[in-house]
Structure formats: C-alpha cells, structure tokens
C-alpha cells in the first residue's frame, strides 16, 4: 500500500514503522470498491485481510487518472467496521464535492 503518513488508525500514539515508497498497486491487491469521484479524486474501500495490522478496511483516495491510491483511514475488520468505513468514505467523498463546488 502507498504512504500511510496521515492515516487515521486505531493505534493512536503507538510508534509506526517507516512508510513504504509510493508504488503502483500490486496485481494481487484486494479489489477496490468505489464510492465515487469528485475534485479529480476517487474515493473507495479495500478490505485487506493480509495487511500488516491484520484484517482491516482501508478507506483510500487517489487521482481519477491514476491507478495508485493512498490509505486515509484504517479500521480493524470487526463488528460493524464495514458500515463505519462506508460512512467515513462517503464523508470524504462529500468533502471533496464541497471543495469541487467551491472552485
């Protein structure tokens, strides 16, 4: 996964490993569920059972004209985490729509 420097994660305050280089998505990356696009960016959700943190939902954002996405929020895949991840994703999408309308 790309750079996770500004990720909202459930382990606030815990030391993190050095971020990996930004690269194109791996061919075996879990599928992206797209919420929509606004302000030149697309917002989606990836369930990543092979993540370093364990089985997680990644809310991701990336330019519409590129394949690469960046994780902006990370939730452990437990309970109603998928519903919460959807709410976060749609909130991010709405924020981008507001920004796009202001331009």
PDB file of N, CA and C in Angstrom:
ATOM      1  N   UNK A   1       0.840  -1.174   0.000  1.00  0.00           N
ATOM      2  CA  UNK A   1       0.000   0.000   0.000  1.00  0.00           C
ATOM      3  C   UNK A   1       0.885   1.237   0.000  1.00  0.00           C
ATOM      4  N   UNK A   2       0.368   2.321  -0.531  1.00  0.00           N
ATOM      5  CA  UNK A   2       1.118   3.567  -0.564  1.00  0.00           C
ATOM      6  C   UNK A   2       1.297   4.187   0.816  1.00  0.00           C
ATOM      7  N   UNK A   3       1.892   5.341   0.823  1.00  0.00           N
ATOM      8  CA  UNK A   3       2.249   6.098   2.011  1.00  0.00           C
ATOM      9  C   UNK A   3       1.085   6.226   2.994  1.00  0.00           C
ATOM     10  N   UNK A   4       1.321   5.844   4.253  1.00  0.00           N
ATOM     11  CA  UNK A   4       0.305   5.905   5.296  1.00  0.00           C
ATOM     12  C   UNK A   4       0.635   6.957   6.342  1.00  0.00           C
ATOM     13  N   UNK A   5       1.347   8.043   5.979  1.00  0.00           N
ATOM     14  CA  UNK A   5       1.768   9.050   6.948  1.00  0.00           C
ATOM     15  C   UNK A   5       0.603   9.733   7.652  1.00  0.00           C
ATOM     16  N   UNK A   6      -0.480   9.997   6.950  1.00  0.00           N
ATOM     17  CA  UNK A   6      -1.585  10.755   7.513  1.00  0.00           C
ATOM     18  C   UNK A   6      -2.826   9.898   7.699  1.00  0.00           C
ATOM     19  N   UNK A   7      -2.648   8.667   8.060  1.00  0.00           N
ATOM     20  CA  UNK A   7      -3.752   7.740   8.199  1.00  0.00           C
ATOM     21  C   UNK A   7      -4.358   7.833   9.587  1.00  0.00           C
ATOM     22  N   UNK A   8      -5.687   7.845   9.641  1.00  0.00           N
ATOM     23  CA  UNK A   8      -6.389   7.755  10.916  1.00  0.00           C
ATOM     24  C   UNK A   8      -6.425   6.277  11.263  1.00  0.00           C
ATOM     25  N   UNK A   9      -5.839   5.894  12.359  1.00  0.00           N
ATOM     26  CA  UNK A   9      -5.737   4.477  12.704  1.00  0.00           C
ATOM     27  C   UNK A   9      -6.124   4.251  14.155  1.00  0.00           C
ATOM     28  N   UNK A  10      -6.479   3.003  14.493  1.00  0.00           N
ATOM     29  CA  UNK A  10      -6.929   2.710  15.850  1.00  0.00           C
ATOM     30  C   UNK A  10      -5.819   2.642  16.884  1.00  0.00           C
ATOM     31  N   UNK A  11      -4.565   2.801  16.502  1.00  0.00           N
ATOM     32  CA  UNK A  11      -3.452   2.694  17.441  1.00  0.00           C
ATOM     33  C   UNK A  11      -2.781   4.056  17.626  1.00  0.00           C
ATOM     34  N   UNK A  12      -3.562   5.072  17.957  1.00  0.00           N
ATOM     35  CA  UNK A  12      -3.025   6.421  18.120  1.00  0.00           C
ATOM     36  C   UNK A  12      -1.906   6.428  19.156  1.00  0.00           C
ATOM     37  N   UNK A  13      -0.842   7.138  18.859  1.00  0.00           N
ATOM     38  CA  UNK A  13       0.254   7.289  19.791  1.00  0.00           C
ATOM     39  C   UNK A  13       1.288   6.183  19.760  1.00  0.00           C
ATOM     40  N   UNK A  14       0.997   5.080  19.109  1.00  0.00           N
ATOM     41  CA  UNK A  14       1.956   3.976  19.037  1.00  0.00           C
ATOM     42  C   UNK A  14       2.963   4.259  17.923  1.00  0.00           C
ATOM     43  N   UNK A  15       4.231   3.905  18.138  1.00  0.00           N
ATOM     44  CA  UNK A  15       5.227   4.105  17.081  1.00  0.00           C
ATOM     45  C   UNK A  15       4.861   3.296  15.833  1.00  0.00           C
ATOM     46  N   UNK A  16       5.174   3.881  14.673  1.00  0.00           N
ATOM     47  CA  UNK A  16       4.883   3.220  13.405  1.00  0.00           C
ATOM     48  C   UNK A  16       6.177   2.928  12.673  1.00  0.00           C
ATOM     49  N   UNK A  17       6.182   1.896  11.851  1.00  0.00           N
ATOM     50  CA  UNK A  17       7.364   1.636  11.028  1.00  0.00           C
ATOM     51  C   UNK A  17       7.490   2.710   9.956  1.00  0.00           C
ATOM     52  N   UNK A  18       8.665   2.798   9.366  1.00  0.00           N
ATOM     53  CA  UNK A  18       8.886   3.769   8.295  1.00  0.00           C
ATOM     54  C   UNK A  18       7.913   3.494   7.150  1.00  0.00           C
ATOM     55  N   UNK A  19       7.353   4.555   6.551  1.00  0.00           N
ATOM     56  CA  UNK A  19       6.391   4.351   5.466  1.00  0.00           C
ATOM     57  C   UNK A  19       7.072   3.774   4.230  1.00  0.00           C
ATOM     58  N   UNK A  20       6.362   2.924   3.492  1.00  0.00           N
ATOM     59  CA  UNK A  20       6.932   2.371   2.267  1.00  0.00           C
ATOM     60  C   UNK A  20       6.919   3.411   1.150  1.00  0.00           C
ATOM     61  N   UNK A  21       7.699   3.161   0.107  1.00  0.00           N
ATOM     62  CA  UNK A  21       7.688   4.031  -1.062  1.00  0.00           C
ATOM     63  C   UNK A  21       6.329   3.957  -1.729  1.00  0.00           C
ATOM     64  N   UNK A  22       5.909   5.063  -2.358  1.00  0.00           N
ATOM     65  CA  UNK A  22       4.652   5.045  -3.113  1.00  0.00           C
ATOM     66  C   UNK A  22       4.880   4.275  -4.403  1.00  0.00           C
ATOM     67  N   UNK A  23       4.048   3.293  -4.630  1.00  0.00           N
ATOM     68  CA  UNK A  23       4.184   2.459  -5.827  1.00  0.00           C
ATOM     69  C   UNK A  23       2.816   2.244  -6.444  1.00  0.00           C
ATOM     70  N   UNK A  24       2.823   1.692  -7.620  1.00  0.00           N
ATOM     71  CA  UNK A  24       1.564   1.311  -8.257  1.00  0.00           C
ATOM     72  C   UNK A  24       0.970   0.143  -7.491  1.00  0.00           C
ATOM     73  N   UNK A  25      -0.353  -0.043  -7.558  1.00  0.00           N
ATOM     74  CA  UNK A  25      -0.977  -1.146  -6.822  1.00  0.00           C
ATOM     75  C   UNK A  25      -0.407  -2.500  -7.239  1.00  0.00           C
ATOM     76  N   UNK A  26      -0.321  -3.391  -6.265  1.00  0.00           N
ATOM     77  CA  UNK A  26       0.123  -4.751  -6.537  1.00  0.00           C
ATOM     78  C   UNK A  26      -0.939  -5.462  -7.365  1.00  0.00           C
ATOM     79  N   UNK A  27      -0.531  -6.368  -8.265  1.00  0.00           N
ATOM     80  CA  UNK A  27      -1.523  -7.090  -9.064  1.00  0.00           C
ATOM     81  C   UNK A  27      -2.476  -7.925  -8.211  1.00  0.00           C
ATOM     82  N   UNK A  28      -2.012  -8.398  -7.049  1.00  0.00           N
ATOM     83  CA  UNK A  28      -2.863  -9.223  -6.196  1.00  0.00           C
ATOM     84  C   UNK A  28      -3.531  -8.412  -5.082  1.00  0.00           C
ATOM     85  N   UNK A  29      -3.540  -7.076  -5.226  1.00  0.00           N
ATOM     86  CA  UNK A  29      -4.180  -6.217  -4.235  1.00  0.00           C
ATOM     87  C   UNK A  29      -5.669  -6.526  -4.184  1.00  0.00           C
ATOM     88  N   UNK A  30      -6.261  -6.502  -2.988  1.00  0.00           N
ATOM     89  CA  UNK A  30      -7.707  -6.725  -2.897  1.00  0.00           C
ATOM     90  C   UNK A  30      -8.466  -5.711  -3.745  1.00  0.00           C
ATOM     91  N   UNK A  31      -9.647  -6.071  -4.228  1.00  0.00           N
ATOM     92  CA  UNK A  31     -10.386  -5.171  -5.118  1.00  0.00           C
ATOM     93  C   UNK A  31     -10.850  -3.902  -4.416  1.00  0.00           C
ATOM     94  N   UNK A  32     -10.894  -2.846  -5.191  1.00  0.00           N
ATOM     95  CA  UNK A  32     -11.327  -1.536  -4.718  1.00  0.00           C
ATOM     96  C   UNK A  32     -12.830  -1.407  -4.945  1.00  0.00           C
ATOM     97  N   UNK A  33     -13.562  -1.079  -3.902  1.00  0.00           N
ATOM     98  CA  UNK A  33     -14.988  -0.777  -4.024  1.00  0.00           C
ATOM     99  C   UNK A  33     -15.116   0.734  -4.085  1.00  0.00           C
ATOM    100  N   UNK A  34     -15.522   1.253  -5.216  1.00  0.00           N
ATOM    101  CA  UNK A  34     -15.536   2.684  -5.463  1.00  0.00           C
ATOM    102  C   UNK A  34     -16.805   3.328  -4.913  1.00  0.00           C
ATOM    103  N   UNK A  35     -16.639   4.404  -4.128  1.00  0.00           N
ATOM    104  CA  UNK A  35     -17.778   5.173  -3.625  1.00  0.00           C
ATOM    105  C   UNK A  35     -18.171   6.261  -4.612  1.00  0.00           C
ATOM    106  N   UNK A  36     -17.181   6.825  -5.300  1.00  0.00           N
ATOM    107  CA  UNK A  36     -17.446   7.896  -6.252  1.00  0.00           C
ATOM    108  C   UNK A  36     -16.207   8.735  -6.470  1.00  0.00           C
ATOM    109  N   UNK A  37     -16.382   9.815  -7.225  1.00  0.00           N
ATOM    110  CA  UNK A  37     -15.256  10.696  -7.536  1.00  0.00           C
ATOM    111  C   UNK A  37     -15.722  12.147  -7.481  1.00  0.00           C
ATOM    112  N   UNK A  38     -14.825  13.013  -7.053  1.00  0.00           N
ATOM    113  CA  UNK A  38     -15.082  14.454  -7.012  1.00  0.00           C
ATOM    114  C   UNK A  38     -13.745  15.165  -6.893  1.00  0.00           C
ATOM    115  N   UNK A  39     -13.696  16.383  -7.372  1.00  0.00           N
ATOM    116  CA  UNK A  39     -12.494  17.222  -7.294  1.00  0.00           C
ATOM    117  C   UNK A  39     -11.272  16.513  -7.873  1.00  0.00           C
ATOM    118  N   UNK A  40     -11.482  15.687  -8.891  1.00  0.00           N
ATOM    119  CA  UNK A  40     -10.381  14.998  -9.548  1.00  0.00           C
ATOM    120  C   UNK A  40      -9.852  13.785  -8.812  1.00  0.00           C
ATOM    121  N   UNK A  41     -10.536  13.368  -7.751  1.00  0.00           N
ATOM    122  CA  UNK A  41     -10.088  12.224  -6.960  1.00  0.00           C
ATOM    123  C   UNK A  41     -11.220  11.213  -6.798  1.00  0.00           C
ATOM    124  N   UNK A  42     -10.845   9.958  -6.682  1.00  0.00           N
ATOM    125  CA  UNK A  42     -11.827   8.912  -6.411  1.00  0.00           C
ATOM    126  C   UNK A  42     -11.635   8.421  -4.990  1.00  0.00           C
ATOM    127  N   UNK A  43     -12.742   7.973  -4.396  1.00  0.00           N
ATOM    128  CA  UNK A  43     -12.738   7.507  -3.013  1.00  0.00           C
ATOM    129  C   UNK A  43     -13.265   6.078  -3.018  1.00  0.00           C
ATOM    130  N   UNK A  44     -12.582   5.199  -2.304  1.00  0.00           N
ATOM    131  CA  UNK A  44     -13.018   3.812  -2.288  1.00  0.00           C
ATOM    132  C   UNK A  44     -12.675   3.101  -0.996  1.00  0.00           C
ATOM    133  N   UNK A  45     -13.032   1.820  -0.975  1.00  0.00           N
ATOM    134  CA  UNK A  45     -12.839   0.970   0.192  1.00  0.00           C
ATOM    135  C   UNK A  45     -12.177  -0.328  -0.244  1.00  0.00           C
ATOM    136  N   UNK A  46     -11.171  -0.742   0.502  1.00  0.00           N
ATOM    137  CA  UNK A  46     -10.492  -2.009   0.260  1.00  0.00           C
ATOM    138  C   UNK A  46     -10.512  -2.805   1.556  1.00  0.00           C
ATOM    139  N   UNK A  47     -10.974  -4.053   1.494  1.00  0.00           N
ATOM    140  CA  UNK A  47     -10.802  -4.944   2.648  1.00  0.00           C
ATOM    141  C   UNK A  47      -9.495  -5.679   2.414  1.00  0.00           C
ATOM    142  N   UNK A  48      -8.603  -5.570   3.369  1.00  0.00           N
ATOM    143  CA  UNK A  48      -7.257  -6.117   3.212  1.00  0.00           C
ATOM    144  C   UNK A  48      -6.942  -7.087   4.349  1.00  0.00           C
ATOM    145  N   UNK A  49      -7.279  -8.378   4.168  1.00  0.00           N
ATOM    146  CA  UNK A  49      -7.021  -9.351   5.228  1.00  0.00           C
ATOM    147  C   UNK A  49      -5.536  -9.648   5.427  1.00  0.00           C
ATOM    148  N   UNK A  50      -4.700  -9.285   4.453  1.00  0.00           N
ATOM    149  CA  UNK A  50      -3.269  -9.576   4.544  1.00  0.00           C
ATOM    150  C   UNK A  50      -2.461  -8.372   5.020  1.00  0.00           C
ATOM    151  N   UNK A  51      -3.111  -7.334   5.533  1.00  0.00           N
ATOM    152  CA  UNK A  51      -2.395  -6.133   5.983  1.00  0.00           C
ATOM    153  C   UNK A  51      -1.500  -6.445   7.171  1.00  0.00           C
ATOM    154  N   UNK A  52      -0.467  -5.654   7.329  1.00  0.00           N
ATOM    155  CA  UNK A  52       0.455  -5.801   8.452  1.00  0.00           C
ATOM    156  C   UNK A  52      -0.288  -5.686   9.780  1.00  0.00           C
ATOM    157  N   UNK A  53      -1.340  -4.870   9.814  1.00  0.00           N
ATOM    158  CA  UNK A  53      -2.114  -4.650  11.032  1.00  0.00           C
ATOM    159  C   UNK A  53      -3.150  -5.755  11.276  1.00  0.00           C
ATOM    160  N   UNK A  54      -3.273  -6.696  10.377  1.00  0.00           N
ATOM    161  CA  UNK A  54      -4.298  -7.735  10.444  1.00  0.00           C
ATOM    162  C   UNK A  54      -5.403  -7.424   9.447  1.00  0.00           C
ATOM    163  N   UNK A  55      -6.525  -8.096   9.566  1.00  0.00           N
ATOM    164  CA  UNK A  55      -7.662  -7.904   8.666  1.00  0.00           C
ATOM    165  C   UNK A  55      -8.244  -6.508   8.900  1.00  0.00           C
ATOM    166  N   UNK A  56      -8.171  -5.643   7.881  1.00  0.00           N
ATOM    167  CA  UNK A  56      -8.598  -4.253   8.021  1.00  0.00           C
ATOM    168  C   UNK A  56      -9.422  -3.800   6.820  1.00  0.00           C
ATOM    169  N   UNK A  57     -10.155  -2.711   7.039  1.00  0.00           N
ATOM    170  CA  UNK A  57     -10.782  -1.962   5.951  1.00  0.00           C
ATOM    171  C   UNK A  57      -9.951  -0.712   5.747  1.00  0.00           C
ATOM    172  N   UNK A  58      -9.579  -0.445   4.494  1.00  0.00           N
ATOM    173  CA  UNK A  58      -8.818   0.755   4.140  1.00  0.00           C
ATOM    174  C   UNK A  58      -9.723   1.682   3.353  1.00  0.00           C
ATOM    175  N   UNK A  59      -9.884   2.903   3.815  1.00  0.00           N
ATOM    176  CA  UNK A  59     -10.560   3.921   3.035  1.00  0.00           C
ATOM    177  C   UNK A  59      -9.444   4.614   2.267  1.00  0.00           C
ATOM    178  N   UNK A  60      -9.581   4.656   0.951  1.00  0.00           N
ATOM    179  CA  UNK A  60      -8.495   5.138   0.096  1.00  0.00           C
ATOM    180  C   UNK A  60      -8.963   6.272  -0.808  1.00  0.00           C
ATOM    181  N   UNK A  61      -8.011   7.126  -1.169  1.00  0.00           N
ATOM    182  CA  UNK A  61      -8.255   8.236  -2.081  1.00  0.00           C
ATOM    183  C   UNK A  61      -7.121   8.258  -3.094  1.00  0.00           C
ATOM    184  N   UNK A  62      -7.455   8.545  -4.346  1.00  0.00           N
ATOM    185  CA  UNK A  62      -6.425   8.650  -5.372  1.00  0.00           C
ATOM    186  C   UNK A  62      -6.911   9.472  -6.548  1.00  0.00           C
ATOM    187  N   UNK A  63      -5.992  10.011  -7.327  1.00  0.00           N
ATOM    188  CA  UNK A  63      -6.374  10.783  -8.506  1.00  0.00           C
ATOM    189  C   UNK A  63      -7.195   9.919  -9.472  1.00  0.00           C
ATOM    190  N   UNK A  64      -8.181  10.535 -10.106  1.00  0.00           N
ATOM    191  CA  UNK A  64      -9.039   9.804 -11.041  1.00  0.00           C
ATOM    192  C   UNK A  64      -8.254   9.238 -12.218  1.00  0.00           C
ATOM    193  N   UNK A  65      -7.192   9.917 -12.617  1.00  0.00           N
ATOM    194  CA  UNK A  65      -6.460   9.499 -13.812  1.00  0.00           C
ATOM    195  C   UNK A  65      -5.262   8.598 -13.515  1.00  0.00           C
ATOM    196  N   UNK A  66      -5.147   8.087 -12.285  1.00  0.00           N
ATOM    197  CA  UNK A  66      -4.060   7.176 -11.915  1.00  0.00           C
ATOM    198  C   UNK A  66      -4.633   5.933 -11.254  1.00  0.00           C
ATOM    199  N   UNK A  67      -3.866   4.853 -11.260  1.00  0.00           N
ATOM    200  CA  UNK A  67      -4.281   3.623 -10.592  1.00  0.00           C
ATOM    201  C   UNK A  67      -3.939   3.647  -9.098  1.00  0.00           C
ATOM    202  N   UNK A  68      -2.935   4.423  -8.731  1.00  0.00           N
ATOM    203  CA  UNK A  68      -2.469   4.440  -7.338  1.00  0.00           C
ATOM    204  C   UNK A  68      -3.492   5.114  -6.436  1.00  0.00           C
ATOM    205  N   UNK A  69      -3.626   4.579  -5.233  1.00  0.00           N
ATOM    206  CA  UNK A  69      -4.469   5.185  -4.198  1.00  0.00           C
ATOM    207  C   UNK A  69      -3.666   5.235  -2.910  1.00  0.00           C
ATOM    208  N   UNK A  70      -4.086   6.113  -1.997  1.00  0.00           N
ATOM    209  CA  UNK A  70      -3.437   6.216  -0.693  1.00  0.00           C
ATOM    210  C   UNK A  70      -4.458   5.964   0.394  1.00  0.00           C
ATOM    211  N   UNK A  71      -4.044   5.255   1.418  1.00  0.00           N
ATOM    212  CA  UNK A  71      -4.905   4.990   2.550  1.00  0.00           C
ATOM    213  C   UNK A  71      -5.040   6.259   3.382  1.00  0.00           C
ATOM    214  N   UNK A  72      -6.286   6.652   3.686  1.00  0.00           N
ATOM    215  CA  UNK A  72      -6.516   7.826   4.526  1.00  0.00           C
ATOM    216  C   UNK A  72      -7.163   7.455   5.853  1.00  0.00           C
ATOM    217  N   UNK A  73      -7.719   6.258   5.957  1.00  0.00           N
ATOM    218  CA  UNK A  73      -8.267   5.771   7.229  1.00  0.00           C
ATOM    219  C   UNK A  73      -8.185   4.253   7.224  1.00  0.00           C
ATOM    220  N   UNK A  74      -8.016   3.688   8.400  1.00  0.00           N
ATOM    221  CA  UNK A  74      -7.801   2.254   8.559  1.00  0.00           C
ATOM    222  C   UNK A  74      -8.624   1.782   9.753  1.00  0.00           C
ATOM    223  N   UNK A  75      -9.462   0.768   9.526  1.00  0.00           N
ATOM    224  CA  UNK A  75     -10.297   0.234  10.603  1.00  0.00           C
ATOM    225  C   UNK A  75     -10.120  -1.269  10.699  1.00  0.00           C
ATOM    226  N   UNK A  76      -9.998  -1.820  11.906  1.00  0.00           N
ATOM    227  CA  UNK A  76      -9.951  -3.280  12.049  1.00  0.00           C
ATOM    228  C   UNK A  76     -11.278  -3.871  11.565  1.00  0.00           C
ATOM    229  N   UNK A  77     -11.217  -4.966  10.836  1.00  0.00           N
ATOM    230  CA  UNK A  77     -12.419  -5.599  10.265  1.00  0.00           C
ATOM    231  C   UNK A  77     -13.118  -6.426  11.331  1.00  0.00           C
ATOM    232  N   UNK A  78     -13.844  -5.751  12.215  1.00  0.00           N
ATOM    233  CA  UNK A  78     -14.570  -6.433  13.284  1.00  0.00           C
ATOM    234  C   UNK A  78     -15.885  -5.709  13.514  1.00  0.00           C
ATOM    235  N   UNK A  79     -16.896  -6.415  13.971  1.00  0.00           N
ATOM    236  CA  UNK A  79     -18.184  -5.798  14.266  1.00  0.00           C
ATOM    237  C   UNK A  79     -18.753  -5.097  13.053  1.00  0.00           C
ATOM    238  N   UNK A  80     -19.156  -3.842  13.241  1.00  0.00           N
ATOM    239  CA  UNK A  80     -19.740  -3.057  12.146  1.00  0.00           C
ATOM    240  C   UNK A  80     -18.696  -2.164  11.486  1.00  0.00           C
ATOM    241  N   UNK A  81     -17.462  -2.635  11.404  1.00  0.00           N
ATOM    242  CA  UNK A  81     -16.390  -1.825  10.825  1.00  0.00           C
ATOM    243  C   UNK A  81     -16.664  -1.479   9.367  1.00  0.00           C
ATOM    244  N   UNK A  82     -17.272  -2.391   8.619  1.00  0.00           N
ATOM    245  CA  UNK A  82     -17.546  -2.090   7.213  1.00  0.00           C
ATOM    246  C   UNK A  82     -18.539  -0.934   7.102  1.00  0.00           C
ATOM    247  N   UNK A  83     -19.559  -0.924   7.928  1.00  0.00           N
ATOM    248  CA  UNK A  83     -20.513   0.182   7.922  1.00  0.00           C
ATOM    249  C   UNK A  83     -19.855   1.493   8.293  1.00  0.00           C
ATOM    250  N   UNK A  84     -18.994   1.463   9.309  1.00  0.00           N
ATOM    251  CA  UNK A  84     -18.272   2.663   9.722  1.00  0.00           C
ATOM    252  C   UNK A  84     -17.331   3.126   8.609  1.00  0.00           C
ATOM    253  N   UNK A  85     -16.656   2.192   7.954  1.00  0.00           N
ATOM    254  CA  UNK A  85     -15.758   2.533   6.849  1.00  0.00           C
ATOM    255  C   UNK A  85     -16.538   3.178   5.705  1.00  0.00           C
ATOM    256  N   UNK A  86     -17.738   2.675   5.433  1.00  0.00           N
ATOM    257  CA  UNK A  86     -18.582   3.281   4.394  1.00  0.00           C
ATOM    258  C   UNK A  86     -18.953   4.712   4.770  1.00  0.00           C
ATOM    259  N   UNK A  87     -19.329   4.946   6.025  1.00  0.00           N
ATOM    260  CA  UNK A  87     -19.685   6.297   6.457  1.00  0.00           C
ATOM    261  C   UNK A  87     -18.492   7.247   6.310  1.00  0.00           C
ATOM    262  N   UNK A  88     -17.318   6.776   6.693  1.00  0.00           N
ATOM    263  CA  UNK A  88     -16.105   7.602   6.547  1.00  0.00           C
ATOM    264  C   UNK A  88     -15.835   7.896   5.076  1.00  0.00           C
ATOM    265  N   UNK A  89     -15.925   6.869   4.236  1.00  0.00           N
ATOM    266  CA  UNK A  89     -15.678   7.045   2.802  1.00  0.00           C
ATOM    267  C   UNK A  89     -16.636   8.034   2.170  1.00  0.00           C
ATOM    268  N   UNK A  90     -17.926   7.912   2.493  1.00  0.00           N
ATOM    269  CA  UNK A  90     -18.901   8.843   1.929  1.00  0.00           C
ATOM    270  C   UNK A  90     -18.714  10.259   2.480  1.00  0.00           C
ATOM    271  N   UNK A  91     -18.263  10.399   3.720  1.00  0.00           N
ATOM    272  CA  UNK A  91     -17.978  11.726   4.275  1.00  0.00           C
ATOM    273  C   UNK A  91     -16.803  12.371   3.538  1.00  0.00           C
ATOM    274  N   UNK A  92     -15.782  11.578   3.239  1.00  0.00           N
ATOM    275  CA  UNK A  92     -14.636  12.093   2.485  1.00  0.00           C
ATOM    276  C   UNK A  92     -15.077  12.497   1.086  1.00  0.00           C
ATOM    277  N   UNK A  93     -15.893  11.666   0.454  1.00  0.00           N
ATOM    278  CA  UNK A  93     -16.400  11.983  -0.880  1.00  0.00           C
ATOM    279  C   UNK A  93     -17.206  13.287  -0.842  1.00  0.00           C
ATOM    280  N   UNK A  94     -18.047  13.448   0.159  1.00  0.00           N
ATOM    281  CA  UNK A  94     -18.851  14.668   0.269  1.00  0.00           C
ATOM    282  C   UNK A  94     -17.950  15.883   0.462  1.00  0.00           C
ATOM    283  N   UNK A  95     -16.902  15.744   1.267  1.00  0.00           N
ATOM    284  CA  UNK A  95     -15.958  16.848   1.467  1.00  0.00           C
ATOM    285  C   UNK A  95     -15.303  17.245   0.139  1.00  0.00           C
ATOM    286  N   UNK A  96     -14.954  16.255  -0.659  1.00  0.00           N
ATOM    287  CA  UNK A  96     -14.360  16.552  -1.976  1.00  0.00           C
ATOM    288  C   UNK A  96     -15.378  17.249  -2.884  1.00  0.00           C
ATOM    289  N   UNK A  97     -16.657  16.844  -2.794  1.00  0.00           N
ATOM    290  CA  UNK A  97     -17.704  17.503  -3.595  1.00  0.00           C
ATOM    291  C   UNK A  97     -17.851  18.953  -3.184  1.00  0.00           C
ATOM    292  N   UNK A  98     -17.754  19.225  -1.882  1.00  0.00           N
ATOM    293  CA  UNK A  98     -17.839  20.620  -1.390  1.00  0.00           C
ATOM    294  C   UNK A  98     -16.665  21.427  -1.923  1.00  0.00           C
ATOM    295  N   UNK A  99     -15.469  20.850  -1.846  1.00  0.00           N
ATOM    296  CA  UNK A  99     -14.270  21.522  -2.360  1.00  0.00           C
ATOM    297  C   UNK A  99     -14.422  21.784  -3.859  1.00  0.00           C
ATOM    298  N   UNK A 100     -14.902  20.791  -4.583  1.00  0.00           N
ATOM    299  CA  UNK A 100     -15.074  20.925  -6.037  1.00  0.00           C
ATOM    300  C   UNK A 100     -16.063  22.036  -6.355  1.00  0.00           C
ATOM    301  N   UNK A 101     -17.134  22.153  -5.586  1.00  0.00           N
ATOM    302  CA  UNK A 101     -18.126  23.199  -5.819  1.00  0.00           C
ATOM    303  C   UNK A 101     -17.614  24.589  -5.506  1.00  0.00           C
ATOM    304  N   UNK A 102     -16.621  24.684  -4.638  1.00  0.00           N
ATOM    305  CA  UNK A 102     -16.070  25.990  -4.248  1.00  0.00           C
ATOM    306  C   UNK A 102     -15.093  26.537  -5.260  1.00  0.00           C
ATOM    307  N   UNK A 103     -14.653  25.709  -6.188  1.00  0.00           N
ATOM    308  CA  UNK A 103     -13.634  26.129  -7.149  1.00  0.00           C
ATOM    309  C   UNK A 103     -14.241  26.952  -8.247  1.00  0.00           C
TER     310      UNK A 103
END
